[in-house]
Amino acid sequence: MNRDIEVELKRWKISSRRKPLIIQGARQVGKTYTIKSFGNTAYEDIAYFNFEENPDLNSIFIQDLNPARILAMLSLVEGITIDPENTLVFFDEIQESNR
């Protein structure tokens, strides 16, 4: 299934001014499916973290918000090496995070 947002996701990926992306919308409309599909086709790896299913993820963000430290900790949780250039880091249900 192709969605209009896929074009926007591809533009976001190649942008030299890319910032973290927030996808908002109604529940159960395919946001997670679309991002996972995009990650699987546009990146070498995808690191998926669901804050609703794993509330312990919150502890990673308590100390500070240093990106290198956070990626190192997330790599340990996921059991993969997160390469910022080739891994899509996807936080699902992030509204459940305290920070």
N, C-alpha and C. Protein backbone atom coordinates (compact mmCIF):
# COMPACT_ATOMS: atom_id res chain seq x y z
N MET A 1 0.84 -1.16 0.00
CA MET A 1 0.00 0.00 0.00
C MET A 1 0.90 1.24 0.00
N ASN A 2 0.73 2.12 -0.93
CA ASN A 2 1.49 3.36 -0.99
C ASN A 2 0.68 4.48 -0.34
N ARG A 3 1.38 5.33 0.37
CA ARG A 3 0.74 6.45 1.05
C ARG A 3 1.45 7.72 0.65
N ASP A 4 0.72 8.83 0.62
CA ASP A 4 1.31 10.12 0.25
C ASP A 4 2.48 10.50 1.15
N ILE A 5 2.41 10.10 2.40
CA ILE A 5 3.46 10.48 3.35
C ILE A 5 4.81 9.86 3.00
N GLU A 6 4.82 8.77 2.24
CA GLU A 6 6.08 8.14 1.88
C GLU A 6 6.99 9.10 1.10
N VAL A 7 6.42 9.92 0.26
CA VAL A 7 7.19 10.92 -0.49
C VAL A 7 7.82 11.91 0.48
N GLU A 8 7.04 12.34 1.46
CA GLU A 8 7.55 13.29 2.46
C GLU A 8 8.65 12.66 3.32
N LEU A 9 8.51 11.39 3.65
CA LEU A 9 9.53 10.70 4.44
C LEU A 9 10.84 10.61 3.67
N LYS A 10 10.76 10.34 2.38
CA LYS A 10 11.97 10.29 1.55
C LYS A 10 12.64 11.66 1.48
N ARG A 11 11.84 12.71 1.36
CA ARG A 11 12.40 14.07 1.36
C ARG A 11 13.07 14.38 2.69
N TRP A 12 12.44 13.97 3.77
CA TRP A 12 13.01 14.19 5.10
C TRP A 12 14.36 13.50 5.23
N LYS A 13 14.46 12.27 4.74
CA LYS A 13 15.70 11.50 4.88
C LYS A 13 16.87 12.17 4.16
N ILE A 14 16.65 12.74 3.00
CA ILE A 14 17.76 13.31 2.22
C ILE A 14 18.03 14.78 2.55
N SER A 15 17.21 15.37 3.39
CA SER A 15 17.39 16.78 3.73
C SER A 15 18.68 17.02 4.52
N SER A 16 19.42 18.03 4.12
CA SER A 16 20.64 18.38 4.84
C SER A 16 20.32 19.07 6.17
N ARG A 17 19.10 19.51 6.33
CA ARG A 17 18.66 20.19 7.55
C ARG A 17 17.71 19.31 8.38
N ARG A 18 17.85 18.01 8.22
CA ARG A 18 16.94 17.06 8.88
C ARG A 18 17.01 17.16 10.40
N LYS A 19 15.86 17.19 11.00
CA LYS A 19 15.69 17.18 12.45
C LYS A 19 14.85 15.96 12.81
N PRO A 20 14.77 15.63 14.10
CA PRO A 20 13.87 14.52 14.48
C PRO A 20 12.47 14.77 13.94
N LEU A 21 11.82 13.73 13.55
CA LEU A 21 10.51 13.80 12.92
C LEU A 21 9.45 13.29 13.89
N ILE A 22 8.38 14.05 14.01
CA ILE A 22 7.25 13.63 14.85
C ILE A 22 6.05 13.40 13.94
N ILE A 23 5.50 12.21 14.03
CA ILE A 23 4.31 11.85 13.26
C ILE A 23 3.14 11.82 14.23
N GLN A 24 2.15 12.66 13.97
CA GLN A 24 0.96 12.70 14.81
C GLN A 24 -0.26 12.38 13.96
N GLY A 25 -1.25 11.82 14.60
CA GLY A 25 -2.48 11.52 13.89
C GLY A 25 -3.38 10.65 14.74
N ALA A 26 -4.53 10.38 14.20
CA ALA A 26 -5.51 9.55 14.90
C ALA A 26 -4.94 8.17 15.14
N ARG A 27 -5.48 7.49 16.14
CA ARG A 27 -5.04 6.13 16.45
C ARG A 27 -5.50 5.17 15.35
N GLN A 28 -4.69 4.12 15.17
CA GLN A 28 -5.06 3.01 14.29
C GLN A 28 -5.25 3.40 12.82
N VAL A 29 -4.42 4.33 12.32
CA VAL A 29 -4.53 4.71 10.91
C VAL A 29 -3.32 4.26 10.09
N GLY A 30 -2.35 3.59 10.75
CA GLY A 30 -1.22 3.06 10.01
C GLY A 30 0.08 3.82 10.16
N LYS A 31 0.20 4.67 11.18
CA LYS A 31 1.44 5.43 11.38
C LYS A 31 2.62 4.50 11.63
N THR A 32 2.47 3.58 12.56
CA THR A 32 3.56 2.67 12.90
C THR A 32 3.90 1.79 11.70
N TYR A 33 2.92 1.26 11.03
CA TYR A 33 3.16 0.43 9.85
C TYR A 33 3.95 1.21 8.80
N THR A 34 3.55 2.44 8.56
CA THR A 34 4.20 3.26 7.53
C THR A 34 5.65 3.56 7.88
N ILE A 35 5.92 3.92 9.13
CA ILE A 35 7.28 4.24 9.53
C ILE A 35 8.15 2.98 9.49
N LYS A 36 7.64 1.86 9.96
CA LYS A 36 8.42 0.62 9.91
C LYS A 36 8.71 0.23 8.46
N SER A 37 7.74 0.36 7.60
CA SER A 37 7.92 0.04 6.19
C SER A 37 8.97 0.96 5.57
N PHE A 38 8.88 2.24 5.85
CA PHE A 38 9.87 3.21 5.37
C PHE A 38 11.26 2.85 5.89
N GLY A 39 11.36 2.56 7.17
CA GLY A 39 12.65 2.20 7.76
C GLY A 39 13.26 0.96 7.13
N ASN A 40 12.43 -0.01 6.83
CA ASN A 40 12.93 -1.25 6.23
C ASN A 40 13.39 -1.08 4.79
N THR A 41 12.85 -0.09 4.09
CA THR A 41 13.24 0.12 2.70
C THR A 41 14.30 1.20 2.54
N ALA A 42 14.32 2.20 3.42
CA ALA A 42 15.21 3.35 3.25
C ALA A 42 16.48 3.29 4.11
N TYR A 43 16.54 2.37 5.05
CA TYR A 43 17.68 2.28 5.97
C TYR A 43 18.21 0.85 6.01
N GLU A 44 19.46 0.72 6.41
CA GLU A 44 20.04 -0.61 6.58
C GLU A 44 19.42 -1.33 7.77
N ASP A 45 19.14 -0.58 8.84
CA ASP A 45 18.55 -1.15 10.05
C ASP A 45 17.49 -0.21 10.59
N ILE A 46 16.61 -0.78 11.40
CA ILE A 46 15.63 0.02 12.14
C ILE A 46 15.69 -0.43 13.59
N ALA A 47 15.75 0.54 14.49
CA ALA A 47 15.73 0.26 15.93
C ALA A 47 14.40 0.80 16.45
N TYR A 48 13.51 -0.12 16.81
CA TYR A 48 12.14 0.22 17.21
C TYR A 48 11.99 0.12 18.72
N PHE A 49 11.53 1.21 19.32
CA PHE A 49 11.34 1.27 20.77
C PHE A 49 9.92 1.75 21.06
N ASN A 50 9.15 0.94 21.77
CA ASN A 50 7.78 1.28 22.10
C ASN A 50 7.70 1.58 23.60
N PHE A 51 7.43 2.84 23.93
CA PHE A 51 7.40 3.27 25.32
C PHE A 51 6.18 2.75 26.08
N GLU A 52 5.14 2.37 25.37
CA GLU A 52 3.97 1.79 26.03
C GLU A 52 4.25 0.34 26.44
N GLU A 53 4.92 -0.39 25.55
CA GLU A 53 5.23 -1.78 25.83
C GLU A 53 6.44 -1.94 26.74
N ASN A 54 7.34 -0.94 26.76
CA ASN A 54 8.57 -1.03 27.56
C ASN A 54 8.79 0.27 28.32
N PRO A 55 8.06 0.48 29.43
CA PRO A 55 8.21 1.72 30.19
C PRO A 55 9.60 1.92 30.79
N ASP A 56 10.40 0.85 30.88
CA ASP A 56 11.76 0.98 31.40
C ASP A 56 12.65 1.85 30.49
N LEU A 57 12.23 2.08 29.27
CA LEU A 57 12.99 2.95 28.37
C LEU A 57 13.15 4.35 28.95
N ASN A 58 12.20 4.76 29.78
CA ASN A 58 12.26 6.10 30.39
C ASN A 58 13.55 6.31 31.16
N SER A 59 14.08 5.26 31.76
CA SER A 59 15.29 5.40 32.59
C SER A 59 16.50 5.85 31.78
N ILE A 60 16.50 5.59 30.49
CA ILE A 60 17.62 5.99 29.64
C ILE A 60 17.73 7.51 29.53
N PHE A 61 16.62 8.20 29.69
CA PHE A 61 16.58 9.64 29.47
C PHE A 61 16.66 10.46 30.75
N ILE A 62 16.79 9.81 31.90
CA ILE A 62 16.80 10.52 33.18
C ILE A 62 18.11 11.28 33.41
N GLN A 63 19.24 10.63 33.16
CA GLN A 63 20.54 11.23 33.45
C GLN A 63 20.77 12.53 32.69
N ASP A 64 20.64 12.49 31.39
CA ASP A 64 20.80 13.67 30.54
C ASP A 64 20.25 13.32 29.17
N LEU A 65 20.33 14.27 28.26
CA LEU A 65 19.83 14.03 26.92
C LEU A 65 20.97 14.02 25.90
N ASN A 66 22.12 13.53 26.31
CA ASN A 66 23.28 13.43 25.42
C ASN A 66 23.01 12.37 24.36
N PRO A 67 22.95 12.77 23.07
CA PRO A 67 22.60 11.82 22.02
C PRO A 67 23.53 10.61 21.93
N ALA A 68 24.84 10.81 22.07
CA ALA A 68 25.78 9.69 21.96
C ALA A 68 25.54 8.67 23.07
N ARG A 69 25.31 9.15 24.30
CA ARG A 69 25.05 8.24 25.41
C ARG A 69 23.73 7.51 25.22
N ILE A 70 22.71 8.25 24.79
CA ILE A 70 21.40 7.65 24.58
C ILE A 70 21.47 6.57 23.50
N LEU A 71 22.14 6.85 22.39
CA LEU A 71 22.26 5.84 21.34
C LEU A 71 23.02 4.62 21.82
N ALA A 72 24.05 4.83 22.63
CA ALA A 72 24.80 3.69 23.18
C ALA A 72 23.89 2.84 24.07
N MET A 73 23.11 3.47 24.91
CA MET A 73 22.20 2.73 25.79
C MET A 73 21.10 2.01 24.98
N LEU A 74 20.56 2.69 23.99
CA LEU A 74 19.54 2.07 23.15
C LEU A 74 20.11 0.89 22.37
N SER A 75 21.36 1.00 21.96
CA SER A 75 22.03 -0.11 21.27
C SER A 75 22.07 -1.34 22.17
N LEU A 76 22.37 -1.12 23.45
CA LEU A 76 22.39 -2.23 24.40
C LEU A 76 21.01 -2.85 24.55
N VAL A 77 19.98 -2.02 24.65
CA VAL A 77 18.61 -2.51 24.82
C VAL A 77 18.18 -3.33 23.60
N GLU A 78 18.50 -2.82 22.41
CA GLU A 78 18.06 -3.47 21.18
C GLU A 78 18.97 -4.62 20.77
N GLY A 79 20.20 -4.63 21.28
CA GLY A 79 21.13 -5.69 20.93
C GLY A 79 21.75 -5.53 19.57
N ILE A 80 21.78 -4.29 19.07
CA ILE A 80 22.41 -4.00 17.79
C ILE A 80 23.26 -2.75 17.94
N THR A 81 24.14 -2.52 16.98
CA THR A 81 24.88 -1.27 16.95
C THR A 81 24.07 -0.27 16.16
N ILE A 82 23.70 0.82 16.79
CA ILE A 82 22.94 1.86 16.11
C ILE A 82 23.93 2.80 15.43
N ASP A 83 23.91 2.79 14.11
CA ASP A 83 24.73 3.67 13.30
C ASP A 83 23.84 4.85 12.90
N PRO A 84 24.12 6.06 13.41
CA PRO A 84 23.24 7.20 13.14
C PRO A 84 22.99 7.47 11.66
N GLU A 85 23.91 7.08 10.80
CA GLU A 85 23.74 7.32 9.37
C GLU A 85 22.89 6.25 8.68
N ASN A 86 22.87 5.06 9.24
CA ASN A 86 22.23 3.94 8.55
C ASN A 86 21.14 3.22 9.34
N THR A 87 20.84 3.72 10.53
CA THR A 87 19.80 3.11 11.35
C THR A 87 18.71 4.14 11.63
N LEU A 88 17.48 3.78 11.35
CA LEU A 88 16.34 4.62 11.72
C LEU A 88 15.97 4.27 13.15
N VAL A 89 16.04 5.25 14.04
CA VAL A 89 15.65 5.07 15.43
C VAL A 89 14.20 5.55 15.54
N PHE A 90 13.32 4.65 15.91
CA PHE A 90 11.89 4.91 15.92
C PHE A 90 11.35 4.75 17.33
N PHE A 91 10.87 5.86 17.91
CA PHE A 91 10.23 5.85 19.22
C PHE A 91 8.72 5.86 19.01
N ASP A 92 8.07 4.78 19.37
CA ASP A 92 6.62 4.67 19.24
C ASP A 92 5.99 4.90 20.61
N GLU A 93 4.81 5.51 20.61
CA GLU A 93 4.08 5.81 21.84
C GLU A 93 4.93 6.63 22.80
N ILE A 94 5.70 7.57 22.26
CA ILE A 94 6.61 8.37 23.07
C ILE A 94 5.88 9.28 24.06
N GLN A 95 4.61 9.50 23.82
CA GLN A 95 3.84 10.31 24.77
C GLN A 95 3.78 9.66 26.15
N GLU A 96 4.11 8.38 26.22
CA GLU A 96 4.15 7.67 27.49
C GLU A 96 5.44 7.96 28.27
N SER A 97 6.39 8.63 27.64
CA SER A 97 7.64 8.96 28.30
C SER A 97 7.47 10.16 29.22
N ASN A 98 8.11 10.09 30.36
CA ASN A 98 8.04 11.20 31.30
C ASN A 98 8.86 12.39 30.83
N ARG A 99 9.89 12.11 30.04
CA ARG A 99 10.80 13.17 29.63
C ARG A 99 10.67 13.41 28.16
